N, C-alpha and C. Protein backbone atom coordinates (compact mmCIF):
# COMPACT_ATOMS: atom_id res chain seq x y z
N MET A 1 72.84 -10.89 54.08
CA MET A 1 73.89 -11.07 55.06
C MET A 1 75.07 -10.19 54.69
N LYS A 2 75.63 -9.56 55.72
CA LYS A 2 76.80 -8.72 55.51
C LYS A 2 77.90 -9.17 56.46
N LEU A 3 79.06 -9.48 55.87
CA LEU A 3 80.21 -9.88 56.66
C LEU A 3 81.11 -8.68 56.88
N LEU A 4 81.28 -8.30 58.14
CA LEU A 4 82.20 -7.23 58.49
C LEU A 4 83.55 -7.89 58.76
N THR A 5 84.53 -7.56 57.95
CA THR A 5 85.84 -8.18 58.09
C THR A 5 86.91 -7.34 57.41
N SER A 6 88.11 -7.47 57.89
CA SER A 6 89.26 -6.91 57.18
C SER A 6 89.56 -7.86 56.03
N LEU A 7 89.92 -7.32 54.89
CA LEU A 7 90.21 -8.17 53.74
C LEU A 7 91.50 -8.96 53.91
N THR A 8 92.30 -8.63 54.93
CA THR A 8 93.49 -9.43 55.22
C THR A 8 93.27 -10.38 56.40
N SER A 9 92.09 -10.37 57.00
CA SER A 9 91.81 -11.28 58.11
C SER A 9 91.69 -12.71 57.59
N PRO A 10 92.52 -13.61 58.10
CA PRO A 10 92.39 -15.00 57.66
C PRO A 10 91.09 -15.64 58.14
N TYR A 11 90.59 -15.20 59.28
CA TYR A 11 89.31 -15.73 59.77
C TYR A 11 88.18 -15.32 58.82
N GLY A 12 88.22 -14.06 58.40
CA GLY A 12 87.24 -13.58 57.43
C GLY A 12 87.41 -14.27 56.09
N ARG A 13 88.66 -14.52 55.70
CA ARG A 13 88.89 -15.20 54.42
C ARG A 13 88.29 -16.59 54.44
N LYS A 14 88.45 -17.31 55.54
CA LYS A 14 87.86 -18.64 55.66
C LYS A 14 86.37 -18.57 55.35
N LEU A 15 85.70 -17.57 55.89
CA LEU A 15 84.26 -17.43 55.70
C LEU A 15 83.92 -17.00 54.28
N ARG A 16 84.74 -16.13 53.70
CA ARG A 16 84.49 -15.70 52.33
C ARG A 16 84.67 -16.85 51.35
N VAL A 17 85.69 -17.68 51.56
CA VAL A 17 85.89 -18.87 50.72
C VAL A 17 84.71 -19.82 50.91
N LEU A 18 84.34 -20.06 52.15
CA LEU A 18 83.24 -20.98 52.45
C LEU A 18 81.95 -20.52 51.78
N ALA A 19 81.62 -19.24 51.90
CA ALA A 19 80.39 -18.72 51.28
C ALA A 19 80.41 -18.93 49.77
N ARG A 20 81.55 -18.69 49.14
CA ARG A 20 81.67 -18.89 47.69
C ARG A 20 81.48 -20.37 47.34
N GLU A 21 82.12 -21.24 48.11
CA GLU A 21 82.00 -22.68 47.84
C GLU A 21 80.57 -23.16 48.03
N LEU A 22 79.85 -22.55 48.94
CA LEU A 22 78.45 -22.93 49.20
C LEU A 22 77.48 -22.22 48.26
N GLY A 23 77.95 -21.27 47.48
CA GLY A 23 77.08 -20.52 46.58
C GLY A 23 76.19 -19.52 47.29
N LEU A 24 76.61 -19.03 48.45
CA LEU A 24 75.82 -18.08 49.22
C LEU A 24 76.15 -16.65 48.82
N ASP A 25 75.12 -15.82 48.80
CA ASP A 25 75.30 -14.40 48.52
C ASP A 25 75.69 -13.70 49.81
N LEU A 26 76.92 -13.21 49.84
CA LEU A 26 77.45 -12.60 51.05
C LEU A 26 78.05 -11.25 50.70
N VAL A 27 77.49 -10.19 51.26
CA VAL A 27 78.06 -8.86 51.08
C VAL A 27 79.23 -8.74 52.05
N VAL A 28 80.36 -8.27 51.55
CA VAL A 28 81.54 -8.12 52.40
C VAL A 28 81.83 -6.64 52.58
N ALA A 29 81.90 -6.21 53.83
CA ALA A 29 82.22 -4.82 54.15
C ALA A 29 83.64 -4.79 54.73
N ASP A 30 84.58 -4.21 53.97
CA ASP A 30 85.96 -4.10 54.45
C ASP A 30 85.95 -3.22 55.70
N THR A 31 86.38 -3.79 56.80
CA THR A 31 86.26 -3.16 58.11
C THR A 31 87.62 -3.14 58.80
N ALA A 32 88.02 -1.99 59.27
CA ALA A 32 89.29 -1.85 60.01
C ALA A 32 88.98 -1.91 61.50
N PRO A 33 89.15 -3.06 62.13
CA PRO A 33 88.74 -3.21 63.53
C PRO A 33 89.48 -2.28 64.49
N MET A 34 90.71 -1.94 64.18
CA MET A 34 91.48 -1.10 65.10
C MET A 34 90.92 0.33 65.18
N ASN A 35 90.07 0.70 64.23
CA ASN A 35 89.44 2.02 64.24
C ASN A 35 88.13 2.03 65.02
N ASP A 36 87.71 0.89 65.55
CA ASP A 36 86.46 0.77 66.30
C ASP A 36 85.27 1.39 65.57
N PRO A 37 85.02 0.99 64.32
CA PRO A 37 83.87 1.56 63.61
C PRO A 37 82.55 1.19 64.29
N ALA A 38 81.61 2.12 64.24
CA ALA A 38 80.33 1.93 64.94
C ALA A 38 79.61 0.68 64.47
N ALA A 39 79.63 0.39 63.18
CA ALA A 39 78.93 -0.79 62.67
C ALA A 39 79.52 -2.07 63.27
N LEU A 40 80.82 -2.12 63.41
CA LEU A 40 81.44 -3.31 64.00
C LEU A 40 81.12 -3.41 65.49
N LEU A 41 81.24 -2.31 66.21
CA LEU A 41 80.97 -2.35 67.65
C LEU A 41 79.51 -2.68 67.93
N SER A 42 78.62 -2.29 67.03
CA SER A 42 77.21 -2.64 67.17
C SER A 42 77.01 -4.14 66.99
N ALA A 43 77.74 -4.73 66.05
CA ALA A 43 77.62 -6.16 65.78
C ALA A 43 78.41 -6.99 66.78
N ASN A 44 79.57 -6.48 67.18
CA ASN A 44 80.44 -7.22 68.10
C ASN A 44 81.07 -6.23 69.08
N PRO A 45 80.58 -6.18 70.31
CA PRO A 45 81.12 -5.24 71.28
C PRO A 45 82.60 -5.48 71.59
N LEU A 46 83.13 -6.66 71.22
CA LEU A 46 84.55 -6.92 71.40
C LEU A 46 85.41 -6.17 70.39
N GLY A 47 84.77 -5.66 69.33
CA GLY A 47 85.49 -4.91 68.31
C GLY A 47 86.36 -5.79 67.42
N LYS A 48 86.00 -7.06 67.30
CA LYS A 48 86.78 -8.00 66.51
C LYS A 48 86.03 -8.40 65.24
N VAL A 49 86.80 -8.64 64.19
CA VAL A 49 86.25 -9.20 62.97
C VAL A 49 86.65 -10.67 62.92
N PRO A 50 85.82 -11.47 62.24
CA PRO A 50 84.63 -11.14 61.48
C PRO A 50 83.38 -11.12 62.36
N ALA A 51 82.40 -10.39 61.84
CA ALA A 51 81.05 -10.38 62.42
C ALA A 51 80.09 -10.47 61.24
N LEU A 52 79.06 -11.26 61.40
CA LEU A 52 78.07 -11.43 60.34
C LEU A 52 76.76 -10.79 60.78
N VAL A 53 76.35 -9.77 60.04
CA VAL A 53 75.08 -9.10 60.32
C VAL A 53 74.02 -9.76 59.44
N LEU A 54 73.01 -10.31 60.09
CA LEU A 54 71.95 -11.01 59.37
C LEU A 54 70.91 -10.03 58.86
N ASP A 55 70.06 -10.51 57.99
CA ASP A 55 69.06 -9.65 57.36
C ASP A 55 68.10 -9.02 58.37
N ASP A 56 67.90 -9.67 59.52
CA ASP A 56 67.01 -9.11 60.54
C ASP A 56 67.72 -8.12 61.47
N GLY A 57 69.01 -7.86 61.20
CA GLY A 57 69.78 -6.92 62.00
C GLY A 57 70.55 -7.55 63.15
N SER A 58 70.26 -8.80 63.47
CA SER A 58 71.03 -9.48 64.52
C SER A 58 72.40 -9.84 63.97
N ALA A 59 73.30 -10.19 64.87
CA ALA A 59 74.67 -10.48 64.43
C ALA A 59 75.20 -11.76 65.05
N LEU A 60 76.06 -12.41 64.31
CA LEU A 60 76.81 -13.56 64.79
C LEU A 60 78.28 -13.17 64.81
N ILE A 61 79.00 -13.63 65.84
CA ILE A 61 80.42 -13.29 65.93
C ILE A 61 81.26 -14.55 66.08
N ASP A 62 82.51 -14.43 65.72
CA ASP A 62 83.53 -15.46 65.82
C ASP A 62 83.42 -16.40 64.63
N SER A 63 84.54 -16.64 63.99
CA SER A 63 84.49 -17.38 62.72
C SER A 63 83.95 -18.81 62.85
N PRO A 64 84.20 -19.58 63.91
CA PRO A 64 83.58 -20.90 63.96
C PRO A 64 82.05 -20.85 64.03
N VAL A 65 81.52 -19.87 64.75
CA VAL A 65 80.06 -19.73 64.83
C VAL A 65 79.50 -19.34 63.47
N ILE A 66 80.15 -18.39 62.82
CA ILE A 66 79.67 -17.94 61.51
C ILE A 66 79.81 -19.06 60.48
N ALA A 67 80.90 -19.81 60.53
CA ALA A 67 81.08 -20.93 59.59
C ALA A 67 79.97 -21.95 59.78
N ALA A 68 79.64 -22.27 61.02
CA ALA A 68 78.57 -23.23 61.28
C ALA A 68 77.24 -22.70 60.73
N PHE A 69 76.99 -21.41 60.88
CA PHE A 69 75.77 -20.81 60.35
C PHE A 69 75.74 -20.92 58.83
N LEU A 70 76.84 -20.56 58.18
CA LEU A 70 76.88 -20.62 56.70
C LEU A 70 76.66 -22.05 56.21
N LEU A 71 77.31 -23.00 56.85
CA LEU A 71 77.13 -24.40 56.45
C LEU A 71 75.68 -24.84 56.63
N ALA A 72 75.02 -24.36 57.68
CA ALA A 72 73.62 -24.73 57.94
C ALA A 72 72.66 -24.13 56.92
N GLN A 73 73.10 -23.13 56.18
CA GLN A 73 72.24 -22.50 55.18
C GLN A 73 72.07 -23.37 53.93
N VAL A 74 72.90 -24.39 53.79
CA VAL A 74 72.84 -25.26 52.62
C VAL A 74 72.66 -26.70 53.09
N PRO A 75 71.41 -27.10 53.34
CA PRO A 75 71.16 -28.47 53.78
C PRO A 75 71.75 -29.48 52.78
N GLY A 76 72.41 -30.49 53.32
CA GLY A 76 72.98 -31.52 52.47
C GLY A 76 74.32 -31.15 51.83
N GLN A 77 74.86 -30.00 52.22
CA GLN A 77 76.17 -29.61 51.66
C GLN A 77 77.19 -30.72 51.94
N ALA A 78 78.19 -30.81 51.06
CA ALA A 78 79.15 -31.90 51.16
C ALA A 78 80.49 -31.48 51.76
N LEU A 79 80.61 -30.24 52.24
CA LEU A 79 81.89 -29.77 52.75
C LEU A 79 82.20 -30.28 54.16
N LYS A 80 81.17 -30.48 54.97
CA LYS A 80 81.38 -30.94 56.35
C LYS A 80 80.23 -31.85 56.74
N PRO A 81 80.53 -33.04 57.23
CA PRO A 81 79.45 -33.93 57.67
C PRO A 81 78.61 -33.25 58.76
N ALA A 82 77.33 -33.50 58.72
CA ALA A 82 76.41 -32.89 59.68
C ALA A 82 76.51 -33.50 61.06
N SER A 83 77.01 -34.73 61.15
CA SER A 83 77.12 -35.39 62.45
C SER A 83 78.15 -36.50 62.35
N GLY A 84 78.37 -37.14 63.47
CA GLY A 84 79.26 -38.29 63.50
C GLY A 84 80.72 -37.92 63.61
N PRO A 85 81.59 -38.92 63.55
CA PRO A 85 83.02 -38.69 63.72
C PRO A 85 83.61 -37.68 62.73
N GLY A 86 83.14 -37.69 61.49
CA GLY A 86 83.65 -36.74 60.49
C GLY A 86 83.33 -35.30 60.84
N HIS A 87 82.17 -35.09 61.44
CA HIS A 87 81.76 -33.75 61.89
C HIS A 87 82.74 -33.24 62.94
N TRP A 88 83.01 -34.08 63.93
CA TRP A 88 83.89 -33.67 65.03
C TRP A 88 85.33 -33.53 64.56
N ALA A 89 85.73 -34.37 63.63
CA ALA A 89 87.08 -34.26 63.08
C ALA A 89 87.24 -32.94 62.32
N ALA A 90 86.21 -32.55 61.56
CA ALA A 90 86.26 -31.28 60.82
C ALA A 90 86.33 -30.10 61.78
N LEU A 91 85.56 -30.13 62.86
CA LEU A 91 85.60 -29.06 63.84
C LEU A 91 86.96 -28.99 64.54
N THR A 92 87.55 -30.15 64.80
CA THR A 92 88.87 -30.17 65.42
C THR A 92 89.92 -29.62 64.46
N THR A 93 89.81 -29.96 63.19
CA THR A 93 90.73 -29.40 62.19
C THR A 93 90.58 -27.89 62.13
N GLU A 94 89.34 -27.40 62.16
CA GLU A 94 89.11 -25.95 62.18
C GLU A 94 89.77 -25.32 63.40
N ALA A 95 89.61 -25.94 64.56
CA ALA A 95 90.19 -25.39 65.79
C ALA A 95 91.72 -25.36 65.72
N LEU A 96 92.33 -26.40 65.17
CA LEU A 96 93.78 -26.41 65.02
C LEU A 96 94.25 -25.32 64.05
N ALA A 97 93.57 -25.21 62.91
CA ALA A 97 93.95 -24.18 61.92
C ALA A 97 93.75 -22.78 62.51
N ASP A 98 92.65 -22.58 63.22
CA ASP A 98 92.42 -21.29 63.87
C ASP A 98 93.47 -21.03 64.95
N GLY A 99 93.93 -22.07 65.62
CA GLY A 99 94.99 -21.92 66.61
C GLY A 99 96.30 -21.48 65.98
N VAL A 100 96.60 -21.98 64.79
CA VAL A 100 97.78 -21.51 64.06
C VAL A 100 97.63 -20.01 63.78
N LEU A 101 96.43 -19.62 63.35
CA LEU A 101 96.18 -18.20 63.08
C LEU A 101 96.28 -17.37 64.35
N ASP A 102 95.73 -17.87 65.44
CA ASP A 102 95.82 -17.14 66.71
C ASP A 102 97.28 -16.87 67.08
N ALA A 103 98.11 -17.92 67.01
CA ALA A 103 99.53 -17.77 67.36
C ALA A 103 100.23 -16.81 66.41
N ALA A 104 99.93 -16.91 65.12
CA ALA A 104 100.56 -16.02 64.14
C ALA A 104 100.16 -14.57 64.37
N ILE A 105 98.92 -14.34 64.72
CA ILE A 105 98.46 -12.96 64.95
C ILE A 105 99.07 -12.41 66.24
N ILE A 106 99.20 -13.24 67.26
CA ILE A 106 99.90 -12.80 68.47
C ILE A 106 101.32 -12.37 68.11
N LEU A 107 101.99 -13.17 67.30
CA LEU A 107 103.35 -12.82 66.88
C LEU A 107 103.38 -11.50 66.13
N ARG A 108 102.40 -11.28 65.25
CA ARG A 108 102.35 -10.02 64.48
C ARG A 108 102.18 -8.82 65.41
N PHE A 109 101.28 -8.93 66.38
CA PHE A 109 101.07 -7.82 67.31
C PHE A 109 102.32 -7.60 68.17
N ASN A 110 102.96 -8.68 68.59
CA ASN A 110 104.21 -8.53 69.35
C ASN A 110 105.27 -7.84 68.51
N MET A 111 105.42 -8.26 67.26
CA MET A 111 106.42 -7.64 66.38
C MET A 111 106.16 -6.15 66.20
N ALA A 112 104.89 -5.79 66.09
CA ALA A 112 104.55 -4.37 65.93
C ALA A 112 104.98 -3.55 67.14
N GLN A 113 105.13 -4.21 68.28
CA GLN A 113 105.57 -3.55 69.51
C GLN A 113 107.05 -3.77 69.77
N GLY A 114 107.74 -4.37 68.80
CA GLY A 114 109.18 -4.60 68.93
C GLY A 114 109.55 -5.83 69.74
N ILE A 115 108.58 -6.68 70.03
CA ILE A 115 108.84 -7.89 70.81
C ILE A 115 109.04 -9.05 69.82
N THR A 116 110.30 -9.45 69.65
CA THR A 116 110.60 -10.48 68.67
C THR A 116 111.28 -11.70 69.28
N ALA A 117 111.46 -11.72 70.57
CA ALA A 117 112.10 -12.85 71.24
C ALA A 117 111.54 -12.97 72.65
N GLY A 118 111.81 -14.09 73.25
CA GLY A 118 111.37 -14.33 74.62
C GLY A 118 110.50 -15.56 74.71
N PRO A 119 110.16 -15.99 75.91
CA PRO A 119 109.41 -17.23 76.10
C PRO A 119 108.03 -17.22 75.44
N TRP A 120 107.34 -16.09 75.48
CA TRP A 120 106.00 -16.03 74.90
C TRP A 120 106.07 -16.12 73.38
N VAL A 121 107.04 -15.46 72.79
CA VAL A 121 107.23 -15.51 71.33
C VAL A 121 107.58 -16.93 70.91
N GLU A 122 108.54 -17.53 71.60
CA GLU A 122 108.95 -18.89 71.26
C GLU A 122 107.81 -19.89 71.43
N ARG A 123 106.97 -19.66 72.43
CA ARG A 123 105.81 -20.53 72.64
C ARG A 123 104.88 -20.49 71.43
N GLN A 124 104.66 -19.33 70.84
CA GLN A 124 103.79 -19.21 69.67
C GLN A 124 104.37 -19.96 68.48
N TYR A 125 105.67 -19.82 68.26
CA TYR A 125 106.31 -20.55 67.16
C TYR A 125 106.21 -22.06 67.37
N ARG A 126 106.40 -22.52 68.60
CA ARG A 126 106.28 -23.95 68.88
C ARG A 126 104.84 -24.44 68.66
N ALA A 127 103.86 -23.63 69.04
CA ALA A 127 102.46 -24.01 68.83
C ALA A 127 102.17 -24.14 67.34
N ILE A 128 102.65 -23.21 66.55
CA ILE A 128 102.45 -23.28 65.10
C ILE A 128 103.08 -24.56 64.56
N GLU A 129 104.31 -24.84 64.95
CA GLU A 129 105.01 -26.02 64.45
C GLU A 129 104.27 -27.31 64.82
N ARG A 130 103.85 -27.43 66.07
CA ARG A 130 103.13 -28.64 66.50
C ARG A 130 101.82 -28.79 65.74
N ALA A 131 101.09 -27.69 65.58
CA ALA A 131 99.79 -27.76 64.90
C ALA A 131 99.97 -28.12 63.42
N LEU A 132 100.98 -27.55 62.77
CA LEU A 132 101.22 -27.89 61.36
C LEU A 132 101.51 -29.38 61.21
N ALA A 133 102.28 -29.94 62.13
CA ALA A 133 102.60 -31.37 62.07
C ALA A 133 101.34 -32.21 62.14
N VAL A 134 100.40 -31.82 63.00
CA VAL A 134 99.14 -32.56 63.12
C VAL A 134 98.26 -32.30 61.89
N LEU A 135 98.17 -31.05 61.46
CA LEU A 135 97.34 -30.72 60.30
C LEU A 135 97.79 -31.46 59.04
N ALA A 136 99.08 -31.70 58.91
CA ALA A 136 99.58 -32.43 57.73
C ALA A 136 98.96 -33.81 57.64
N GLY A 137 98.62 -34.41 58.77
CA GLY A 137 97.97 -35.71 58.78
C GLY A 137 96.47 -35.65 58.64
N ARG A 138 95.91 -34.44 58.59
CA ARG A 138 94.46 -34.29 58.51
C ARG A 138 94.00 -33.84 57.13
N VAL A 139 94.93 -33.65 56.21
CA VAL A 139 94.59 -33.23 54.85
C VAL A 139 93.65 -34.27 54.23
N GLY A 140 92.58 -33.79 53.61
CA GLY A 140 91.64 -34.68 52.95
C GLY A 140 90.54 -35.20 53.85
N GLY A 141 90.53 -34.77 55.11
CA GLY A 141 89.49 -35.23 56.03
C GLY A 141 88.11 -34.72 55.67
N SER A 142 88.03 -33.47 55.25
CA SER A 142 86.76 -32.90 54.78
C SER A 142 87.10 -31.66 53.95
N GLY A 143 86.19 -31.29 53.08
CA GLY A 143 86.39 -30.08 52.29
C GLY A 143 86.51 -28.85 53.18
N PHE A 144 85.69 -28.79 54.23
CA PHE A 144 85.74 -27.67 55.15
C PHE A 144 87.06 -27.64 55.89
N GLY A 145 87.50 -28.78 56.40
CA GLY A 145 88.78 -28.85 57.09
C GLY A 145 89.92 -28.43 56.18
N ASP A 146 89.88 -28.88 54.94
CA ASP A 146 90.93 -28.50 53.99
C ASP A 146 90.93 -27.00 53.72
N ILE A 147 89.76 -26.38 53.66
CA ILE A 147 89.68 -24.92 53.50
C ILE A 147 90.37 -24.25 54.68
N CYS A 148 90.06 -24.70 55.88
CA CYS A 148 90.66 -24.10 57.09
C CYS A 148 92.18 -24.25 57.07
N ILE A 149 92.66 -25.43 56.70
CA ILE A 149 94.10 -25.67 56.64
C ILE A 149 94.75 -24.75 55.61
N ALA A 150 94.18 -24.69 54.42
CA ALA A 150 94.77 -23.88 53.35
C ALA A 150 94.78 -22.40 53.71
N VAL A 151 93.75 -21.90 54.36
CA VAL A 151 93.73 -20.50 54.80
C VAL A 151 94.86 -20.25 55.79
N ALA A 152 95.03 -21.15 56.76
CA ALA A 152 96.09 -20.97 57.76
C ALA A 152 97.47 -21.00 57.10
N CYS A 153 97.69 -21.95 56.22
CA CYS A 153 98.99 -22.05 55.55
C CYS A 153 99.26 -20.81 54.68
N ASP A 154 98.24 -20.35 53.97
CA ASP A 154 98.45 -19.19 53.12
C ASP A 154 98.68 -17.93 53.94
N TYR A 155 98.05 -17.84 55.12
CA TYR A 155 98.33 -16.70 56.00
C TYR A 155 99.78 -16.72 56.46
N LEU A 156 100.29 -17.91 56.80
CA LEU A 156 101.70 -18.01 57.18
C LEU A 156 102.60 -17.58 56.02
N ALA A 157 102.26 -17.99 54.81
CA ALA A 157 103.06 -17.59 53.64
C ALA A 157 102.98 -16.09 53.43
N PHE A 158 101.83 -15.50 53.69
CA PHE A 158 101.58 -14.06 53.50
C PHE A 158 102.32 -13.23 54.55
N ARG A 159 102.24 -13.62 55.81
CA ARG A 159 102.78 -12.80 56.89
C ARG A 159 104.13 -13.29 57.44
N PHE A 160 104.44 -14.56 57.22
CA PHE A 160 105.68 -15.14 57.74
C PHE A 160 106.39 -15.95 56.66
N PRO A 161 106.78 -15.30 55.59
CA PRO A 161 107.40 -16.05 54.49
C PRO A 161 108.70 -16.76 54.89
N GLU A 162 109.30 -16.34 55.99
CA GLU A 162 110.54 -16.99 56.43
C GLU A 162 110.29 -18.38 57.03
N LEU A 163 109.06 -18.69 57.40
CA LEU A 163 108.74 -20.03 57.92
C LEU A 163 108.66 -21.00 56.75
N ASP A 164 109.46 -22.02 56.77
CA ASP A 164 109.54 -22.95 55.64
C ASP A 164 108.63 -24.16 55.86
N TRP A 165 107.34 -23.92 56.02
CA TRP A 165 106.40 -25.02 56.24
C TRP A 165 106.23 -25.89 55.00
N ARG A 166 106.44 -25.32 53.81
CA ARG A 166 106.24 -26.08 52.57
C ARG A 166 107.23 -27.25 52.47
N THR A 167 108.47 -27.01 52.82
CA THR A 167 109.48 -28.07 52.75
C THR A 167 109.22 -29.12 53.83
N ALA A 168 108.90 -28.68 55.03
CA ALA A 168 108.69 -29.60 56.14
C ALA A 168 107.42 -30.43 55.99
N TYR A 169 106.40 -29.87 55.31
CA TYR A 169 105.10 -30.54 55.22
C TYR A 169 104.59 -30.53 53.78
N PRO A 170 105.10 -31.44 52.95
CA PRO A 170 104.70 -31.46 51.55
C PRO A 170 103.19 -31.68 51.34
N ALA A 171 102.54 -32.40 52.26
CA ALA A 171 101.09 -32.60 52.12
C ALA A 171 100.35 -31.27 52.27
N LEU A 172 100.83 -30.41 53.18
CA LEU A 172 100.21 -29.08 53.33
C LEU A 172 100.49 -28.23 52.10
N ALA A 173 101.70 -28.32 51.57
CA ALA A 173 102.06 -27.54 50.38
C ALA A 173 101.20 -27.97 49.19
N ALA A 174 101.01 -29.27 49.01
CA ALA A 174 100.19 -29.76 47.89
C ALA A 174 98.74 -29.31 48.04
N LEU A 175 98.21 -29.39 49.26
CA LEU A 175 96.83 -28.94 49.49
C LEU A 175 96.71 -27.45 49.21
N ALA A 176 97.63 -26.67 49.75
CA ALA A 176 97.58 -25.22 49.54
C ALA A 176 97.67 -24.90 48.05
N ASP A 177 98.57 -25.52 47.34
CA ASP A 177 98.71 -25.25 45.91
C ASP A 177 97.42 -25.57 45.17
N ARG A 178 96.79 -26.69 45.50
CA ARG A 178 95.55 -27.09 44.82
C ARG A 178 94.41 -26.12 45.13
N LEU A 179 94.22 -25.80 46.41
CA LEU A 179 93.09 -24.94 46.77
C LEU A 179 93.32 -23.48 46.40
N LEU A 180 94.55 -23.00 46.52
CA LEU A 180 94.82 -21.60 46.18
C LEU A 180 94.58 -21.30 44.71
N ALA A 181 94.54 -22.33 43.88
CA ALA A 181 94.28 -22.15 42.45
C ALA A 181 92.79 -22.12 42.14
N THR A 182 91.94 -22.39 43.12
CA THR A 182 90.49 -22.43 42.87
C THR A 182 89.92 -21.01 42.82
N PRO A 183 88.79 -20.83 42.14
CA PRO A 183 88.19 -19.49 42.06
C PRO A 183 87.89 -18.86 43.42
N ALA A 184 87.43 -19.65 44.39
CA ALA A 184 87.08 -19.10 45.71
C ALA A 184 88.30 -18.53 46.40
N PHE A 185 89.41 -19.22 46.33
CA PHE A 185 90.63 -18.72 46.95
C PHE A 185 91.23 -17.57 46.15
N GLN A 186 91.18 -17.67 44.83
CA GLN A 186 91.72 -16.58 44.00
C GLN A 186 90.96 -15.28 44.26
N ALA A 187 89.65 -15.37 44.41
CA ALA A 187 88.83 -14.17 44.62
C ALA A 187 89.01 -13.55 45.99
N THR A 188 89.58 -14.30 46.93
CA THR A 188 89.71 -13.79 48.31
C THR A 188 91.17 -13.57 48.70
N GLN A 189 92.05 -13.59 47.73
CA GLN A 189 93.48 -13.42 48.01
C GLN A 189 93.75 -12.04 48.62
N PRO A 190 94.38 -11.99 49.80
CA PRO A 190 94.69 -10.67 50.39
C PRO A 190 95.81 -9.98 49.62
N GLU A 191 95.77 -8.67 49.64
CA GLU A 191 96.81 -7.88 48.97
C GLU A 191 97.56 -7.06 50.01
N GLY A 192 98.88 -6.99 49.79
CA GLY A 192 99.72 -6.13 50.67
C GLY A 192 99.68 -6.58 52.04
């Protein structure tokens, strides 16, 4: 399996942490999606990372789909319940954490174009704030959910250090501190 992803992509990081926690052998190809590399466009015509190229040459796209695939590779894994309320709660936590990332990335692209204020920008900040408030109550729901939360929080710390989520949400800060010290998170820490 080869994961095409930017090493600063939080969606890709979620998958790289997950693969390490599951003990899966995952080749990571640092991919710059904005350059439209042929390998990425072949795997994902949308030109987005992450994309997972399987050994048979087929590809899976979008981090929730790839995460589900990776989890399915280890029957009986303890990171996410296979069914029942815990399963759906973990998927909802993933969706909330990914939504924080979506809003943060929209803000980054807007900033790159000089758009730093206005209704759309403020809407993204409000979405992040609301989601963080809910995620703070979901800490400890599942190992997978906690990975998703910690990736989102660390991305905010990486790209938006001015957001003081640590003070407002001590449960998120404690989770991030605990998970960021683990080998899987240390090995996937983005640089620059």
